[in-house]
Structures are given as C-alpha cells and as structure tokens.
C-alpha cells in the first residue's frame, strides 16, 4: 500500500477532478496543503484578504459551471471568507471551502486563534446558516469520503457552497491511498431530474390556450446552461419572456421576445406584462422581493389571478411565495428539452409572435428615446446613463461583466444590454457590496480570452482594493470602471427622499471640483495597474478602447452624478419610511 500525507492526497484528488485554480490565503493551519500544491499543476491564487478569495472563486464558478475551491485559514480567515461564501450560497453557486482548524489534540484547551467562547472545536458552525453542508474531518481516513461528498453536493440539485473543516494535524497525517483510490472510481456527474411527457402536455395545453401567456425566468436557467433550450421554446410557442435580476442574460436583451427585468427597477412594459398575464410559466426563479415589488399585488404580479406553473430543481422554491397550479421538480435544461419535443409534436407549426414582437420593439424605441437626453449629456460629473451607453458601444458581445451594488447593478439590470447568455455576474440574493471587483478576477481566470469588465461604484470598489495586487501579479487584463458618485449613492438617495439629509451616506469632497479622495486611479497605479481619471464625458469612450487594447489591469475612475435609477415597481421599505406617501429615491 502506498502512503502519503492527507494534504498530498488532497491535492492529488483535486488534480484528478481537473481543478486548475485554488483561491485563498495562507495561515499556519493550511501551509501543509500549500506545500503539497507547490509542485502540482494547480495554481494557487493568492489574495490579500479572504473575502477577495471567496468572491473571486464565486466569479470563477459562475463562468465555468463547476465547483470552485477556496483554501482558508481558521477563525479570522474563515470569518473574513464568510461574506463571499454566503453571497455564493444565496445565488446558488457551487463552491468547496477547505478550511484549516486547530489540532484535534487541543480541543477544549483554547489554542491560538480558536473561536471557542461558547463551544469547543466548533468553528464550522459559523457557516451552517448558509452552506449546504459543513463537515469536520476528525479522522484522516474520513478525508476522501468527505471530499467526494462535498463536491457532489456542491454541484448537484440546487448548487451551493459546502465547507470541509480540517484540523491541521489531520492534513499532516500519513495514510494509505486506498480511500482516495476508491472515491476516484465514483461518477463525476449525477443524472438530473426531468419531467415526463404527460406533465409537459399539461403545461403546453395551458400555455396554448392562454390569451396572454408569459415565461418568467431566473438564474436557474443560467445555472443549468439552458439558454438555447429556452430560446427554442419561446420562439416556437410565441411567448414573451420576463426575467428576474439573476435571470438577466438568460436570453440576449436584443431578442425580440425579451421584455426585460421585473420588479422595483423593472420598466412599465415588463411589470404590466407580468400583471396582465393569465398564465405564467416560471423556470428557475425564487420570486424574490425586489423582483416582485415586495409581493404587493398590482405592481408586478397578480398571482393567483394569474395562474402559475413553476419548474425548479429545488422543491422548497415551488410555491414559496405564490401558489402554483402545476409544480414540477426538474432541471431547467432537461425540462425545457422535454417541453420542446412535446410542443413540436402537439403544435408542429408553432405560434406567431409578431404582435408581441412589435409591442416590445416599440417600447424599446420609446425607452431609448426617453433616455437620450441623459445618455447623450455632456454633463460632468457624468450621467450614469451615458456611462452605460458609452461602455456598451465599445465592448465585444461576449464581454463578461461583473456588477456590484447600486446604479451599476440596478441600472445595468434595467438599461444595459447583455448580448450573450451568462456574460453578466451579479450579486443577487445577498447583494454584497464589494463582490464585483474580485469576481472579475475569477471570471478572467476562467475565460482568459474574453474581455472582462467590472462595473462598480466607489463604495463597492473601496471595500477591497487590494484585489488589484492579485490582478497585477497574475497580469490579468481586467477593466474596473468605477462609477464614482462619492457616496453610497442608492442609500443616500433613499435617505434624502425620506429624511431630507444624507448623514453617513455621502463622503467628503466635491466631485465637480476634483476633490474626491481617495483617488482610485492613483491607488491603481500604486499597485502597478494602469489608473485613469476621467476629466470630461468625452474622455470615457477613448479610455475604454485603450484599456481593452492594452490587455493590462486598468482602473478607470469616472465621476458620476448621483441620481436614482428610475423605478415603476415598489419596495416595501418605502411604506416603512414614509407610510401613505409616494416617495422613492431622489438625486443627491
């Protein structure tokens, strides 16, 4: 029998699973793993803060569709990492977090850095509210089986992160290779559930008989890589498509049947279309609050007046927020494959969608016209609408865009065309400020030949600018476009509208007088990246073209007017702050 340390066999296992990158930060509990990784084909993506590691791993997994791997130190490393892991959990992103811990022989003795004020050897409990499963490996011979379970669980069903917590002495124990050899024979991919023909026939019948059917999709379409099946289905059935924030990019925003994003930041077209639908086929969506105008009737959805058919891989999501007439537990891609086959059998000639297509085209024309004064404004600081328009003009269609929180998320969801499925990475459920910049690192590592740009506010960029060190060291040609309104702008607009002040939401300095500090372009230069500070609206487009051509890590700092993203939906917090008043956000 061959013998190796657990750390060495762990790396052999990751190589066997074709893991190419591990994201993390060193600590005394995990350096045995780093030593074993040193001569392997795996690249360790070293960061300066663990939250950067988990956000970068999140972005990486969204692009590859496979579980990413994070290596963390104990206690403070694990808590630093937690926000990014929770963000991945709420957006159903597969991830395996491997964390070092105190030695098993020091349980209960309060060793260095252990969190044990109320429980011993229990740091893994910190992650229980958001990971799919948290394991603690107390014996070396358990490691192979736990790792195999971890990857399988992370990637199956509704995907998500898992935690494998390993006392540092376990990493260094030498054991036989039998356990790891055994799990390598296990299947890599589980067969996903689908729907039967009878269920598909019921669904097709309901949609065919409906007067105003609607397909409503969420991020589950993208997780299942089901965009092509969705396109075939809606074109054959002639049904318009609305989407949640996380469903943006499920189909190209230029597709003639795409209505747009629903909810608080949705347009009048999409919210009214959702309200007027008599049958809604929902696939891979949770019907979250912002997407559904806080579930208030009369703003986005009128379910159960509208009849709902819901397909999701996770049974708990079906009927969670709205009652369903037909609920099916299935993988989105598999289910759409069956629906397409049955629809062609039942209705071989399909359905026309010329009327719906014309309504959508007319609305798009009118919406662009209404935005034109802002989109073409020479105002400086710049109008956010012009920033988005100028950026979209110069980006290749397959550019991967990461957003963060604020205008760059809400405005992008409403106004920025995503032209290829799966090319926008957004923090949805957790809405984590600081996600976008490090997620771009993971995206670029996963797709090195594609342009990657992070649209981020100054609040989000300021969370963890040390991610620039990693990007520079790896020579990753990422562009970070900082939409800089010198504030936590969305919250500032909310506070100004309801309380008449901006206390604690706006930073010192006057953007119009070039008084903003810190200067993110100068920070970029200090890290060794290219830093560009935009001084007029006409400078942005040439700066973007230069940055794309250079292939160098580049930060473009763009002063921006802090005005709100227009809304047609509703958010319950408005009622909490100002009951019985029609108040939302205002410019600050």
Foldseek 3Di string as FASTA:
>chain_A
DDKDFLLLLVLVLCVLVVAAEEEEEDDPLCVLNVVSCVPPNHHYQYFDWLCLRLLQQQLLQLQVLAAHEYEFEPDVRCVRNQVSQQLQQQLLGFYEYEYEDAAPVCWPVPDPRDDDPPHTPPRQVVNVVRFPEEEEDPALLCVQVVVLVQRQQQNDQRHGYYYYYYYSVSRGDMDDCVSNVVSSPDDNDDDWFADDLVLLVVVLVVLLPWPQEEEEEALLLSSLVQLVLVVLLCQQQLHAYEYALRCAQSAWPPPLRYQAQAAFLADPRQQVSQQPGQEYEYEHDLCDCRSCQNVDPPFRHDPPSRAYEYEGLDPCSACVRGDHPHYYNTRRNRHSVSSSVSSCVVPVRGDDNPVSSVVSVVVVVVVCVVCVCQLVDFDPLHAVNVLQVLLLVPFDLQEAEEEAAFCRSSVCRHPHIRGHHSRYHYSPPSRHQQSQPSSQNSNCVNPVPHAYEYEYEPRSCVPRVSVLLSCQVVQALYEYEYAYQQWLQQVQQQCCFQPVGRPPTGHDDDRLVVGDPPQVLVVSVVSVFHRAEDDTSVPPNVVSNVSVVVSGYYYYYRHYFRAHSDTRGHHCVVCVRPNPDDIGGGTD
